[in-house]
């Protein structure tokens, strides 16, 4: 579903809550859009998933604050805990 929120700066953020790309009326695809109020832009949710540049394990390491390779959780450790 498309979600819209007003940021503290007054800008309008539009995004999909299903991790899908959104399409502007111009045909441009975005992960999320930030517009000035009254820009007139409209968005629809696509069926195109947003692709991540990092793995689940890398995201876990970021969240746990384990940035150094010797401190990081490995893929095998992540799989063992599942």
C-alpha atoms as a PDB file:
ATOM      1  CA  UNK A   1       0.000   0.000   0.000  1.00  0.00           C
ATOM      2  CA  UNK A   2       1.205   3.522  -0.735  1.00  0.00           C
ATOM      3  CA  UNK A   3       2.008   5.518   2.390  1.00  0.00           C
ATOM      4  CA  UNK A   4       2.398   9.287   2.595  1.00  0.00           C
ATOM      5  CA  UNK A   5       3.787  11.253   5.516  1.00  0.00           C
ATOM      6  CA  UNK A   6       4.698  14.863   6.132  1.00  0.00           C
ATOM      7  CA  UNK A   7       8.285  15.244   7.325  1.00  0.00           C
ATOM      8  CA  UNK A   8       9.373  17.774   9.959  1.00  0.00           C
ATOM      9  CA  UNK A   9      10.745  19.905   7.109  1.00  0.00           C
ATOM     10  CA  UNK A  10       7.272  20.085   5.560  1.00  0.00           C
ATOM     11  CA  UNK A  11       8.242  17.878   2.612  1.00  0.00           C
ATOM     12  CA  UNK A  12       5.961  14.992   1.651  1.00  0.00           C
ATOM     13  CA  UNK A  13       7.425  11.460   1.671  1.00  0.00           C
ATOM     14  CA  UNK A  14       5.680   8.761  -0.362  1.00  0.00           C
ATOM     15  CA  UNK A  15       6.652   5.068  -0.228  1.00  0.00           C
ATOM     16  CA  UNK A  16       5.345   1.503  -0.368  1.00  0.00           C
ATOM     17  CA  UNK A  17       4.858  -0.323   2.925  1.00  0.00           C
ATOM     18  CA  UNK A  18       5.304  -3.616   1.029  1.00  0.00           C
ATOM     19  CA  UNK A  19       8.900  -2.875  -0.059  1.00  0.00           C
ATOM     20  CA  UNK A  20       7.858  -2.315  -3.676  1.00  0.00           C
ATOM     21  CA  UNK A  21       8.901   0.376  -6.133  1.00  0.00           C
ATOM     22  CA  UNK A  22       6.453   3.254  -6.657  1.00  0.00           C
ATOM     23  CA  UNK A  23       5.710   4.811 -10.030  1.00  0.00           C
ATOM     24  CA  UNK A  24       5.196   8.531 -10.550  1.00  0.00           C
ATOM     25  CA  UNK A  25       2.569   9.652 -13.054  1.00  0.00           C
ATOM     26  CA  UNK A  26       5.494  10.444 -15.408  1.00  0.00           C
ATOM     27  CA  UNK A  27       6.456   6.746 -15.503  1.00  0.00           C
ATOM     28  CA  UNK A  28       9.567   7.208 -13.337  1.00  0.00           C
ATOM     29  CA  UNK A  29      10.160   4.469 -10.731  1.00  0.00           C
ATOM     30  CA  UNK A  30      11.330   5.250  -7.208  1.00  0.00           C
ATOM     31  CA  UNK A  31      12.030   3.412  -3.969  1.00  0.00           C
ATOM     32  CA  UNK A  32      10.523   6.425  -2.248  1.00  0.00           C
ATOM     33  CA  UNK A  33       9.725   9.979  -3.261  1.00  0.00           C
ATOM     34  CA  UNK A  34      10.095  13.244  -1.371  1.00  0.00           C
ATOM     35  CA  UNK A  35       8.206  16.203  -2.826  1.00  0.00           C
ATOM     36  CA  UNK A  36       7.368  19.761  -1.900  1.00  0.00           C
ATOM     37  CA  UNK A  37       3.767  20.210  -0.763  1.00  0.00           C
ATOM     38  CA  UNK A  38       1.292  20.767  -3.596  1.00  0.00           C
ATOM     39  CA  UNK A  39       3.730  19.402  -6.193  1.00  0.00           C
ATOM     40  CA  UNK A  40       0.826  17.616  -7.832  1.00  0.00           C
ATOM     41  CA  UNK A  41       2.765  14.354  -8.212  1.00  0.00           C
ATOM     42  CA  UNK A  42       0.832  11.130  -7.848  1.00  0.00           C
ATOM     43  CA  UNK A  43       2.239   7.655  -7.291  1.00  0.00           C
ATOM     44  CA  UNK A  44       1.050   4.088  -7.685  1.00  0.00           C
ATOM     45  CA  UNK A  45       2.529   0.959  -6.186  1.00  0.00           C
ATOM     46  CA  UNK A  46       4.156  -1.420  -8.670  1.00  0.00           C
ATOM     47  CA  UNK A  47       4.832  -5.138  -8.360  1.00  0.00           C
ATOM     48  CA  UNK A  48       8.600  -4.522  -8.663  1.00  0.00           C
ATOM     49  CA  UNK A  49      10.434  -5.376  -5.407  1.00  0.00           C
ATOM     50  CA  UNK A  50      13.020  -2.964  -4.042  1.00  0.00           C
ATOM     51  CA  UNK A  51      16.363  -4.734  -4.235  1.00  0.00           C
ATOM     52  CA  UNK A  52      18.844  -4.346  -1.412  1.00  0.00           C
ATOM     53  CA  UNK A  53      22.566  -3.909  -1.939  1.00  0.00           C
ATOM     54  CA  UNK A  54      23.361  -5.709   1.312  1.00  0.00           C
ATOM     55  CA  UNK A  55      22.637  -9.196   2.580  1.00  0.00           C
ATOM     56  CA  UNK A  56      20.545  -9.986   5.643  1.00  0.00           C
ATOM     57  CA  UNK A  57      23.753 -10.888   7.496  1.00  0.00           C
ATOM     58  CA  UNK A  58      25.366  -7.559   6.617  1.00  0.00           C
ATOM     59  CA  UNK A  59      22.253  -5.759   7.853  1.00  0.00           C
ATOM     60  CA  UNK A  60      22.381  -7.742  11.105  1.00  0.00           C
ATOM     61  CA  UNK A  61      26.024  -6.771  11.594  1.00  0.00           C
ATOM     62  CA  UNK A  62      25.152  -3.106  11.060  1.00  0.00           C
ATOM     63  CA  UNK A  63      22.318  -3.304  13.588  1.00  0.00           C
ATOM     64  CA  UNK A  64      24.554  -5.058  16.114  1.00  0.00           C
ATOM     65  CA  UNK A  65      27.359  -2.542  15.604  1.00  0.00           C
ATOM     66  CA  UNK A  66      29.763  -5.215  14.382  1.00  0.00           C
ATOM     67  CA  UNK A  67      31.512  -3.389  11.590  1.00  0.00           C
ATOM     68  CA  UNK A  68      34.887  -5.147  11.762  1.00  0.00           C
ATOM     69  CA  UNK A  69      35.208  -8.489   9.902  1.00  0.00           C
ATOM     70  CA  UNK A  70      36.637 -10.270  12.969  1.00  0.00           C
ATOM     71  CA  UNK A  71      33.636  -9.108  15.052  1.00  0.00           C
ATOM     72  CA  UNK A  72      31.020  -9.800  12.413  1.00  0.00           C
ATOM     73  CA  UNK A  73      28.469 -12.583  12.452  1.00  0.00           C
ATOM     74  CA  UNK A  74      29.055 -14.914   9.514  1.00  0.00           C
ATOM     75  CA  UNK A  75      26.426 -16.313   7.163  1.00  0.00           C
ATOM     76  CA  UNK A  76      26.938 -19.790   8.659  1.00  0.00           C
ATOM     77  CA  UNK A  77      26.333 -18.474  12.201  1.00  0.00           C
ATOM     78  CA  UNK A  78      23.131 -16.787  11.016  1.00  0.00           C
ATOM     79  CA  UNK A  79      21.917 -20.009   9.389  1.00  0.00           C
ATOM     80  CA  UNK A  80      22.758 -22.057  12.505  1.00  0.00           C
ATOM     81  CA  UNK A  81      20.538 -19.829  14.638  1.00  0.00           C
ATOM     82  CA  UNK A  82      17.543 -20.319  12.338  1.00  0.00           C
END
